[in-house]
């Protein structure tokens, strides 16, 4: 049994009508079939756009969150790499913690934080192997 079809009448401009005639000249293809496929494709594409509109805000928010996580992770890795590098390079052994040693420790920590900030601002990294580290 053939599916029930409803007849529609509408007007097309001359150029569009010629294009429809050209598409319908292929064997087994009718104007109705071409129009039916075009309308179905338009409706499905419209539904896809609605999904994009619904989820785009959330996807954009998730993308920004991932960008922040990646940035924070780079900061942590850069800090750790710089700390390890400086520790290995300086290798300063202090006998007992006295006020001078504590002051020197504070100075080194402040220098460490400043250097991490500079490297991040410049886009440089100590994550790659260095030639000046002890073996």
Foldseek 3Di string as FASTA:
>chain_A
DDDDDDDDDDDDDPVVVVVLVVVQPPPPRHSVNVVVVVVVVVVVVVVVVVVCVVCVVVVVVVVVVVVVVVVVVQLVVQLVLLVVQVCQVVVDDDDDDDPVNVVVVVVVVVVSVVVSVVCVVVVHGSPDDDPPGDD
